[in-house]
Amino acid sequence: SVAKLSRANALYAVRNVSTVSIYELDTGSSGSLDATWNTPDVDFDDTASFKRLMRYFVHVKPPTATTTMTVRVCADGASIGSDYTITLGTTGSHSLTERVGQAVAGPYKQFLRLRFTWTGQMTMYGYKMYGDVRSDSVPQR
């Protein structure tokens, strides 16, 4: 076995607690991981206003095998609507996927969050959210 002598800015995951299998992510390891990523609560720089998620993008490094990612939309800490399923193929060096946010009409909330889950070998580079922000305050002159 090889010991890592220095610590890089890397993300590590525990694959199997009973055998203490630890993987450094994004190094080409052959281990498949159960991954979950929660975004922070997003308020679009306006905490007091109410929002709806209109659209979101997911940017990933294509996985080594076709992978299904599940996306859950949360508002004010609670799941809303149904989970979205995205199937990611193995071709190319980058994959950018776009989805409609809240497909069903629903109430506007103060904080929005996305929860991504998948099993496999995939690197998630980032996400982007677009929201409709509504303010009931009196306009300032």
Protein backbone atom coordinates (compact mmCIF):
# COMPACT_ATOMS: atom_id res chain seq x y z
CA SER A 1 0.00 0.00 0.00
CA VAL A 2 1.04 3.59 -0.59
CA ALA A 3 0.78 6.29 2.06
CA LYS A 4 -0.14 9.81 1.05
CA LEU A 5 2.49 12.07 2.55
CA SER A 6 0.90 15.45 1.88
CA ARG A 7 -2.63 16.76 2.09
CA ALA A 8 -4.05 18.43 -1.01
CA ASN A 9 -7.28 20.36 -1.35
CA ALA A 10 -9.19 17.15 -2.03
CA LEU A 11 -12.54 15.72 -1.04
CA TYR A 12 -12.51 12.26 0.53
CA ALA A 13 -15.34 9.75 0.87
CA VAL A 14 -15.76 6.66 3.04
CA ARG A 15 -17.00 3.83 0.86
CA ASN A 16 -17.26 1.05 3.41
CA VAL A 17 -17.05 1.74 7.13
CA SER A 18 -16.43 -1.89 8.11
CA THR A 19 -13.33 -2.22 5.88
CA VAL A 20 -12.33 1.45 6.19
CA SER A 21 -12.22 2.02 2.43
CA ILE A 22 -11.50 5.71 1.89
CA TYR A 23 -11.35 7.23 -1.59
CA GLU A 24 -9.88 10.54 -2.70
CA LEU A 25 -12.44 11.83 -5.17
CA ASP A 26 -11.55 12.80 -8.74
CA THR A 27 -8.44 10.61 -8.97
CA GLY A 28 -9.73 7.85 -11.26
CA SER A 29 -10.27 5.35 -8.45
CA SER A 30 -12.23 2.29 -9.55
CA GLY A 31 -14.54 2.42 -6.53
CA SER A 32 -18.17 3.41 -6.96
CA LEU A 33 -19.52 5.89 -4.40
CA ASP A 34 -22.95 6.75 -3.05
CA ALA A 35 -22.82 10.54 -3.19
CA THR A 36 -25.11 13.27 -1.84
CA TRP A 37 -24.59 16.99 -2.33
CA ASN A 38 -26.84 19.61 -0.70
CA THR A 39 -26.54 23.20 -1.84
CA PRO A 40 -26.75 25.90 0.79
CA ASP A 41 -30.11 27.64 1.25
CA VAL A 42 -30.24 30.19 -1.58
CA ASP A 43 -32.03 33.51 -1.10
CA PHE A 44 -30.78 35.31 -4.25
CA ASP A 45 -29.39 38.13 -2.04
CA ASP A 46 -32.87 39.08 -0.84
CA THR A 47 -33.74 37.27 2.38
CA ALA A 48 -37.11 38.95 2.94
CA SER A 49 -38.58 38.29 -0.52
CA PHE A 50 -40.32 35.12 -1.68
CA LYS A 51 -38.89 32.99 -4.48
CA ARG A 52 -39.63 30.14 -6.87
CA LEU A 53 -36.98 28.06 -8.57
CA MET A 54 -37.44 28.54 -12.31
CA ARG A 55 -34.48 26.64 -13.79
CA TYR A 56 -31.25 24.97 -12.75
CA PHE A 57 -28.13 23.66 -14.45
CA VAL A 58 -25.81 20.84 -13.36
CA HIS A 59 -22.20 20.69 -14.60
CA VAL A 60 -20.44 17.32 -14.25
CA LYS A 61 -17.46 15.41 -15.56
CA PRO A 62 -19.07 12.50 -17.42
CA PRO A 63 -18.98 9.30 -15.37
CA THR A 64 -17.12 6.11 -16.30
CA ALA A 65 -20.49 4.34 -16.69
CA THR A 66 -23.96 5.72 -17.40
CA THR A 67 -25.14 7.21 -14.12
CA THR A 68 -28.53 8.36 -12.86
CA MET A 69 -28.59 11.50 -10.73
CA THR A 70 -31.64 12.35 -8.64
CA VAL A 71 -32.37 16.00 -7.87
CA ARG A 72 -34.72 17.06 -5.07
CA VAL A 73 -35.94 20.65 -4.81
CA CYS A 74 -36.38 21.94 -1.26
CA ALA A 75 -37.99 25.18 -0.13
CA ASP A 76 -37.72 26.54 3.39
CA GLY A 77 -36.18 23.23 4.49
CA ALA A 78 -38.90 20.93 3.12
CA SER A 79 -38.98 18.84 -0.06
CA ILE A 80 -41.47 20.13 -2.65
CA GLY A 81 -42.80 18.32 -5.68
CA SER A 82 -41.33 15.13 -7.12
CA ASP A 83 -37.68 14.22 -7.49
CA TYR A 84 -36.14 14.79 -10.92
CA THR A 85 -34.07 12.08 -12.59
CA ILE A 86 -31.17 12.94 -14.90
CA THR A 87 -29.35 10.22 -16.86
CA LEU A 88 -25.72 11.12 -17.56
CA GLY A 89 -23.78 9.44 -20.36
CA THR A 90 -20.06 8.73 -20.60
CA THR A 91 -18.99 10.80 -23.64
CA GLY A 92 -17.15 14.10 -23.72
CA SER A 93 -15.07 15.92 -21.14
CA HIS A 94 -17.91 18.02 -19.69
CA SER A 95 -21.66 17.58 -19.39
CA LEU A 96 -24.03 20.49 -18.73
CA THR A 97 -27.65 19.56 -18.05
CA GLU A 98 -30.54 22.02 -17.77
CA ARG A 99 -33.87 21.37 -16.04
CA VAL A 100 -37.01 23.31 -15.21
CA GLY A 101 -37.15 24.12 -11.50
CA GLN A 102 -40.61 23.90 -9.96
CA ALA A 103 -42.60 22.26 -12.75
CA VAL A 104 -45.85 22.54 -10.81
CA ALA A 105 -47.25 25.81 -9.55
CA GLY A 106 -46.60 26.20 -5.88
CA PRO A 107 -46.20 28.79 -3.20
CA TYR A 108 -43.25 31.13 -3.19
CA LYS A 109 -40.76 30.47 -0.37
CA GLN A 110 -37.87 32.37 1.20
CA PHE A 111 -35.04 29.83 0.84
CA LEU A 112 -34.43 27.35 -1.98
CA ARG A 113 -32.07 24.38 -1.99
CA LEU A 114 -31.17 21.48 -4.30
CA ARG A 115 -30.16 18.00 -3.17
CA PHE A 116 -28.23 15.86 -5.67
CA THR A 117 -27.70 12.10 -5.16
CA TRP A 118 -26.03 9.48 -7.36
CA THR A 119 -24.12 6.21 -7.21
CA GLY A 120 -21.06 5.78 -9.39
CA GLN A 121 -17.88 7.50 -10.47
CA MET A 122 -18.68 11.08 -11.34
CA THR A 123 -17.33 14.49 -10.46
CA MET A 124 -19.85 17.30 -10.00
CA TYR A 125 -18.21 20.60 -10.93
CA GLY A 126 -21.07 22.91 -10.02
CA TYR A 127 -24.66 24.04 -10.35
CA LYS A 128 -26.53 27.24 -11.17
CA MET A 129 -30.03 28.22 -10.04
CA TYR A 130 -32.40 30.81 -11.53
CA GLY A 131 -35.33 32.02 -9.45
CA ASP A 132 -38.30 34.33 -9.68
CA VAL A 133 -38.02 36.76 -6.74
CA ARG A 134 -41.16 38.55 -5.55
CA SER A 135 -41.26 41.39 -3.08
CA ASP A 136 -44.43 42.76 -1.53
CA SER A 137 -42.64 45.80 -0.10
CA VAL A 138 -43.56 49.35 -1.05
CA PRO A 139 -41.24 50.70 -3.76
CA GLN A 140 -38.68 53.21 -2.50
CA ARG A 141 -38.45 56.60 -4.25
